[in-house]
Amino acid sequence: MKYSIIFAYSNRNKMRVISFSTIREFFDKEPRSAVPLKLWFKKVQKAKWDSFSEMKNTFNSADPVGNQRYVFDIAGNHYRLVAKVLFNAKIVYIRFVGDHNAYNKIRDIKNI
């Protein structure tokens, strides 16, 4: 019983991504994006960010766009991922995954 409590506590400090299915849906349509998106996902799951500056250390190309949303350049800027990041709760909500054309069509990125 003590071991499960220790394990649960240690995992609570890491970021939780919601939801991988959004990423999978995109790379099913765009297979070349699969490897870089999976790498992004694994890095985020291992992260223990408490602030944007800590996130920036992991992903130098990440930029805030307002309302707790951040844009990540994926695969050398071939793709974009927008996520709502709640640092205190350690949760990353994926709001958008797409190429630049689709990203440029977003009208209200702060509320996506």
N, C-alpha and C. Protein backbone atom coordinates (compact mmCIF):
# COMPACT_ATOMS: atom_id res chain seq x y z
N MET A 1 0.82 -1.20 0.00
CA MET A 1 0.00 0.00 0.00
C MET A 1 0.86 1.26 0.00
N LYS A 2 1.92 1.28 0.77
CA LYS A 2 2.79 2.45 0.80
C LYS A 2 3.40 2.72 -0.56
N TYR A 3 3.73 1.67 -1.31
CA TYR A 3 4.35 1.85 -2.62
C TYR A 3 3.40 2.54 -3.59
N SER A 4 2.15 2.18 -3.56
CA SER A 4 1.20 2.80 -4.49
C SER A 4 1.01 4.28 -4.17
N ILE A 5 1.07 4.64 -2.92
CA ILE A 5 0.94 6.04 -2.53
C ILE A 5 2.15 6.83 -3.02
N ILE A 6 3.33 6.29 -2.87
CA ILE A 6 4.54 6.95 -3.34
C ILE A 6 4.50 7.10 -4.86
N PHE A 7 4.10 6.05 -5.56
CA PHE A 7 4.03 6.09 -7.02
C PHE A 7 3.02 7.14 -7.48
N ALA A 8 1.88 7.17 -6.87
CA ALA A 8 0.84 8.13 -7.25
C ALA A 8 1.32 9.56 -7.01
N TYR A 9 2.02 9.78 -5.91
CA TYR A 9 2.50 11.11 -5.60
C TYR A 9 3.55 11.56 -6.60
N SER A 10 4.47 10.66 -6.95
CA SER A 10 5.54 11.05 -7.87
C SER A 10 4.99 11.35 -9.26
N ASN A 11 3.97 10.65 -9.72
CA ASN A 11 3.39 10.91 -11.03
C ASN A 11 2.56 12.18 -11.05
N ARG A 12 2.07 12.60 -9.91
CA ARG A 12 1.22 13.78 -9.85
C ARG A 12 1.99 15.04 -10.23
N ASN A 13 3.29 15.03 -10.08
CA ASN A 13 4.10 16.20 -10.40
C ASN A 13 4.35 16.34 -11.90
N LYS A 14 4.09 15.30 -12.67
CA LYS A 14 4.32 15.35 -14.10
C LYS A 14 3.07 15.86 -14.82
N MET A 15 3.30 16.40 -16.00
CA MET A 15 2.21 16.94 -16.80
C MET A 15 1.35 15.79 -17.34
N ARG A 16 0.06 16.04 -17.41
CA ARG A 16 -0.88 15.08 -17.98
C ARG A 16 -1.46 15.70 -19.25
N VAL A 17 -1.40 14.97 -20.34
CA VAL A 17 -1.86 15.48 -21.63
C VAL A 17 -3.25 14.95 -21.92
N ILE A 18 -4.13 15.85 -22.27
CA ILE A 18 -5.50 15.49 -22.63
C ILE A 18 -5.77 16.10 -24.01
N SER A 19 -5.89 15.39 -24.99
CA SER A 19 -5.93 13.96 -25.10
C SER A 19 -5.09 13.52 -26.29
N PHE A 20 -4.45 12.38 -26.16
CA PHE A 20 -3.60 11.86 -27.23
C PHE A 20 -4.40 11.57 -28.49
N SER A 21 -5.69 11.29 -28.34
CA SER A 21 -6.51 10.97 -29.51
C SER A 21 -6.55 12.12 -30.52
N THR A 22 -6.44 13.35 -30.04
CA THR A 22 -6.40 14.51 -30.95
C THR A 22 -5.15 14.45 -31.81
N ILE A 23 -4.03 14.09 -31.19
CA ILE A 23 -2.77 13.95 -31.93
C ILE A 23 -2.88 12.79 -32.92
N ARG A 24 -3.39 11.67 -32.45
CA ARG A 24 -3.50 10.48 -33.29
C ARG A 24 -4.39 10.73 -34.51
N GLU A 25 -5.49 11.42 -34.32
CA GLU A 25 -6.38 11.74 -35.44
C GLU A 25 -5.63 12.53 -36.52
N PHE A 26 -4.76 13.45 -36.08
CA PHE A 26 -4.02 14.24 -37.06
C PHE A 26 -2.98 13.39 -37.77
N PHE A 27 -2.17 12.62 -37.03
CA PHE A 27 -1.13 11.87 -37.74
C PHE A 27 -1.67 10.69 -38.51
N ASP A 28 -2.89 10.26 -38.25
CA ASP A 28 -3.51 9.27 -39.13
C ASP A 28 -3.75 9.86 -40.52
N LYS A 29 -4.06 11.16 -40.57
CA LYS A 29 -4.28 11.85 -41.84
C LYS A 29 -2.96 12.32 -42.46
N GLU A 30 -2.00 12.62 -41.60
CA GLU A 30 -0.72 13.21 -42.01
C GLU A 30 0.41 12.35 -41.41
N PRO A 31 0.70 11.18 -42.00
CA PRO A 31 1.64 10.22 -41.40
C PRO A 31 3.04 10.76 -41.11
N ARG A 32 3.50 11.73 -41.89
CA ARG A 32 4.84 12.29 -41.64
C ARG A 32 4.93 13.02 -40.30
N SER A 33 3.80 13.37 -39.74
CA SER A 33 3.80 14.09 -38.46
C SER A 33 3.84 13.15 -37.26
N ALA A 34 3.69 11.86 -37.47
CA ALA A 34 3.55 10.91 -36.36
C ALA A 34 4.76 10.92 -35.42
N VAL A 35 5.95 10.78 -35.95
CA VAL A 35 7.14 10.69 -35.10
C VAL A 35 7.35 11.99 -34.31
N PRO A 36 7.35 13.17 -34.95
CA PRO A 36 7.56 14.38 -34.16
C PRO A 36 6.45 14.65 -33.13
N LEU A 37 5.21 14.30 -33.46
CA LEU A 37 4.12 14.51 -32.49
C LEU A 37 4.24 13.54 -31.32
N LYS A 38 4.63 12.32 -31.58
CA LYS A 38 4.83 11.36 -30.49
C LYS A 38 5.98 11.79 -29.59
N LEU A 39 7.04 12.34 -30.18
CA LEU A 39 8.16 12.85 -29.38
C LEU A 39 7.72 14.02 -28.51
N TRP A 40 6.92 14.93 -29.08
CA TRP A 40 6.39 16.06 -28.30
C TRP A 40 5.59 15.53 -27.12
N PHE A 41 4.71 14.57 -27.39
CA PHE A 41 3.86 13.99 -26.36
C PHE A 41 4.69 13.38 -25.23
N LYS A 42 5.70 12.61 -25.57
CA LYS A 42 6.55 11.97 -24.55
C LYS A 42 7.30 13.00 -23.71
N LYS A 43 7.80 14.05 -24.35
CA LYS A 43 8.49 15.10 -23.60
C LYS A 43 7.55 15.78 -22.62
N VAL A 44 6.34 16.06 -23.06
CA VAL A 44 5.37 16.73 -22.18
C VAL A 44 5.01 15.83 -21.01
N GLN A 45 4.79 14.55 -21.26
CA GLN A 45 4.44 13.63 -20.18
C GLN A 45 5.53 13.55 -19.11
N LYS A 46 6.77 13.71 -19.49
CA LYS A 46 7.88 13.65 -18.54
C LYS A 46 8.13 14.97 -17.83
N ALA A 47 7.58 16.04 -18.37
CA ALA A 47 7.84 17.39 -17.85
C ALA A 47 7.15 17.61 -16.50
N LYS A 48 7.73 18.53 -15.74
CA LYS A 48 7.18 18.93 -14.44
C LYS A 48 7.13 20.46 -14.38
N TRP A 49 6.53 21.05 -15.40
CA TRP A 49 6.53 22.50 -15.51
C TRP A 49 5.70 23.17 -14.43
N ASP A 50 6.26 24.24 -13.89
CA ASP A 50 5.53 25.10 -12.97
C ASP A 50 5.29 26.48 -13.56
N SER A 51 5.90 26.74 -14.73
CA SER A 51 5.79 28.07 -15.33
C SER A 51 6.11 28.00 -16.82
N PHE A 52 5.80 29.10 -17.50
CA PHE A 52 6.11 29.18 -18.93
C PHE A 52 7.61 29.09 -19.17
N SER A 53 8.40 29.71 -18.30
CA SER A 53 9.85 29.68 -18.51
C SER A 53 10.39 28.25 -18.44
N GLU A 54 9.82 27.42 -17.58
CA GLU A 54 10.24 26.01 -17.53
C GLU A 54 9.80 25.28 -18.79
N MET A 55 8.61 25.59 -19.28
CA MET A 55 8.14 24.99 -20.52
C MET A 55 9.04 25.42 -21.68
N LYS A 56 9.44 26.67 -21.67
CA LYS A 56 10.30 27.21 -22.72
C LYS A 56 11.67 26.53 -22.74
N ASN A 57 12.13 26.07 -21.58
CA ASN A 57 13.39 25.32 -21.53
C ASN A 57 13.27 23.98 -22.25
N THR A 58 12.07 23.40 -22.24
CA THR A 58 11.84 22.14 -22.94
C THR A 58 11.57 22.37 -24.41
N PHE A 59 10.75 23.37 -24.71
CA PHE A 59 10.37 23.70 -26.09
C PHE A 59 10.67 25.17 -26.34
N ASN A 60 11.84 25.44 -26.85
CA ASN A 60 12.27 26.82 -27.07
C ASN A 60 11.36 27.59 -28.01
N SER A 61 10.69 26.87 -28.91
CA SER A 61 9.84 27.54 -29.90
C SER A 61 8.41 27.80 -29.40
N ALA A 62 8.10 27.40 -28.18
CA ALA A 62 6.75 27.62 -27.64
C ALA A 62 6.50 29.11 -27.42
N ASP A 63 5.29 29.54 -27.77
CA ASP A 63 4.92 30.94 -27.60
C ASP A 63 3.54 31.06 -26.98
N PRO A 64 3.37 31.99 -26.04
CA PRO A 64 2.04 32.23 -25.48
C PRO A 64 1.18 33.00 -26.47
N VAL A 65 -0.11 32.65 -26.53
CA VAL A 65 -1.04 33.38 -27.39
C VAL A 65 -2.22 33.95 -26.60
N GLY A 66 -2.18 33.83 -25.28
CA GLY A 66 -3.21 34.39 -24.43
C GLY A 66 -4.16 33.35 -23.88
N ASN A 67 -4.77 33.68 -22.77
CA ASN A 67 -5.79 32.83 -22.13
C ASN A 67 -5.26 31.41 -21.87
N GLN A 68 -4.03 31.32 -21.40
CA GLN A 68 -3.38 30.06 -21.04
C GLN A 68 -3.13 29.14 -22.24
N ARG A 69 -3.19 29.69 -23.44
CA ARG A 69 -2.91 28.92 -24.65
C ARG A 69 -1.49 29.18 -25.11
N TYR A 70 -0.86 28.10 -25.62
CA TYR A 70 0.51 28.17 -26.10
C TYR A 70 0.59 27.46 -27.44
N VAL A 71 1.41 28.00 -28.34
CA VAL A 71 1.62 27.41 -29.65
C VAL A 71 2.99 26.75 -29.65
N PHE A 72 3.02 25.50 -30.13
CA PHE A 72 4.25 24.74 -30.25
C PHE A 72 4.51 24.49 -31.74
N ASP A 73 5.73 24.76 -32.17
CA ASP A 73 6.15 24.42 -33.53
C ASP A 73 6.63 22.98 -33.50
N ILE A 74 6.09 22.18 -34.41
CA ILE A 74 6.39 20.75 -34.46
C ILE A 74 7.10 20.44 -35.77
N ALA A 75 8.11 19.60 -35.71
CA ALA A 75 8.84 19.11 -36.89
C ALA A 75 9.45 20.27 -37.67
N GLY A 76 10.23 21.07 -36.99
CA GLY A 76 10.89 22.17 -37.67
C GLY A 76 9.92 23.18 -38.24
N ASN A 77 8.82 23.37 -37.54
CA ASN A 77 7.80 24.36 -37.90
C ASN A 77 6.92 23.91 -39.08
N HIS A 78 6.88 22.63 -39.37
CA HIS A 78 5.98 22.12 -40.41
C HIS A 78 4.53 22.04 -39.90
N TYR A 79 4.39 21.83 -38.59
CA TYR A 79 3.07 21.68 -37.99
C TYR A 79 2.99 22.58 -36.76
N ARG A 80 1.77 22.84 -36.34
CA ARG A 80 1.54 23.63 -35.13
C ARG A 80 0.60 22.88 -34.21
N LEU A 81 0.85 23.03 -32.94
CA LEU A 81 -0.01 22.45 -31.91
C LEU A 81 -0.34 23.55 -30.93
N VAL A 82 -1.62 23.74 -30.64
CA VAL A 82 -2.06 24.73 -29.66
C VAL A 82 -2.60 23.97 -28.47
N ALA A 83 -2.14 24.35 -27.28
CA ALA A 83 -2.58 23.68 -26.06
C ALA A 83 -2.88 24.70 -24.98
N LYS A 84 -3.85 24.37 -24.18
CA LYS A 84 -4.13 25.15 -22.97
C LYS A 84 -3.33 24.46 -21.86
N VAL A 85 -2.47 25.21 -21.21
CA VAL A 85 -1.60 24.64 -20.19
C VAL A 85 -1.97 25.21 -18.83
N LEU A 86 -2.33 24.33 -17.93
CA LEU A 86 -2.63 24.71 -16.54
C LEU A 86 -1.47 24.21 -15.68
N PHE A 87 -0.53 25.11 -15.40
CA PHE A 87 0.69 24.73 -14.70
C PHE A 87 0.41 24.20 -13.30
N ASN A 88 -0.48 24.84 -12.56
CA ASN A 88 -0.76 24.40 -11.18
C ASN A 88 -1.39 23.01 -11.14
N ALA A 89 -2.26 22.72 -12.08
CA ALA A 89 -2.93 21.42 -12.12
C ALA A 89 -2.12 20.37 -12.87
N LYS A 90 -1.04 20.81 -13.55
CA LYS A 90 -0.18 19.91 -14.34
C LYS A 90 -0.97 19.24 -15.47
N ILE A 91 -1.79 20.03 -16.17
CA ILE A 91 -2.61 19.50 -17.25
C ILE A 91 -2.35 20.30 -18.53
N VAL A 92 -2.22 19.57 -19.64
CA VAL A 92 -2.06 20.17 -20.96
C VAL A 92 -3.23 19.68 -21.81
N TYR A 93 -4.12 20.60 -22.16
CA TYR A 93 -5.27 20.27 -23.00
C TYR A 93 -4.92 20.61 -24.45
N ILE A 94 -4.88 19.62 -25.30
CA ILE A 94 -4.61 19.87 -26.71
C ILE A 94 -5.86 20.45 -27.35
N ARG A 95 -5.72 21.61 -27.95
CA ARG A 95 -6.86 22.30 -28.53
C ARG A 95 -6.84 22.27 -30.06
N PHE A 96 -5.64 22.11 -30.64
CA PHE A 96 -5.52 22.12 -32.10
C PHE A 96 -4.21 21.46 -32.50
N VAL A 97 -4.25 20.69 -33.58
CA VAL A 97 -3.05 20.16 -34.23
C VAL A 97 -3.29 20.30 -35.72
N GLY A 98 -2.34 20.92 -36.42
CA GLY A 98 -2.52 21.08 -37.86
C GLY A 98 -1.31 21.69 -38.53
N ASP A 99 -1.44 21.89 -39.84
CA ASP A 99 -0.37 22.55 -40.58
C ASP A 99 -0.57 24.07 -40.51
N HIS A 100 0.34 24.80 -41.17
CA HIS A 100 0.27 26.26 -41.10
C HIS A 100 -0.99 26.81 -41.74
N ASN A 101 -1.44 26.21 -42.83
CA ASN A 101 -2.65 26.71 -43.48
C ASN A 101 -3.84 26.63 -42.53
N ALA A 102 -4.01 25.50 -41.87
CA ALA A 102 -5.12 25.35 -40.93
C ALA A 102 -4.94 26.28 -39.74
N TYR A 103 -3.71 26.42 -39.25
CA TYR A 103 -3.43 27.30 -38.12
C TYR A 103 -3.78 28.75 -38.46
N ASN A 104 -3.42 29.18 -39.66
CA ASN A 104 -3.69 30.56 -40.07
C ASN A 104 -5.17 30.87 -40.19
N LYS A 105 -6.00 29.86 -40.29
CA LYS A 105 -7.45 30.06 -40.40
C LYS A 105 -8.14 30.22 -39.03
N ILE A 106 -7.39 30.01 -37.94
CA ILE A 106 -7.97 30.16 -36.60
C ILE A 106 -8.23 31.64 -36.36
N ARG A 107 -9.47 31.97 -36.08
CA ARG A 107 -9.85 33.38 -35.89
C ARG A 107 -9.70 33.84 -34.44
N ASP A 108 -9.98 32.96 -33.51
CA ASP A 108 -9.96 33.35 -32.08
C ASP A 108 -9.12 32.34 -31.31
N ILE A 109 -7.80 32.45 -31.47
CA ILE A 109 -6.89 31.46 -30.87
C ILE A 109 -6.96 31.47 -29.34
N LYS A 110 -7.30 32.60 -28.75
CA LYS A 110 -7.37 32.66 -27.28
C LYS A 110 -8.50 31.84 -26.71
N ASN A 111 -9.46 31.48 -27.54
CA ASN A 111 -10.61 30.71 -27.05
C ASN A 111 -10.78 29.37 -27.75
N ILE A 112 -9.77 28.97 -28.49
CA ILE A 112 -9.86 27.69 -29.19
C ILE A 112 -9.86 26.53 -28.20
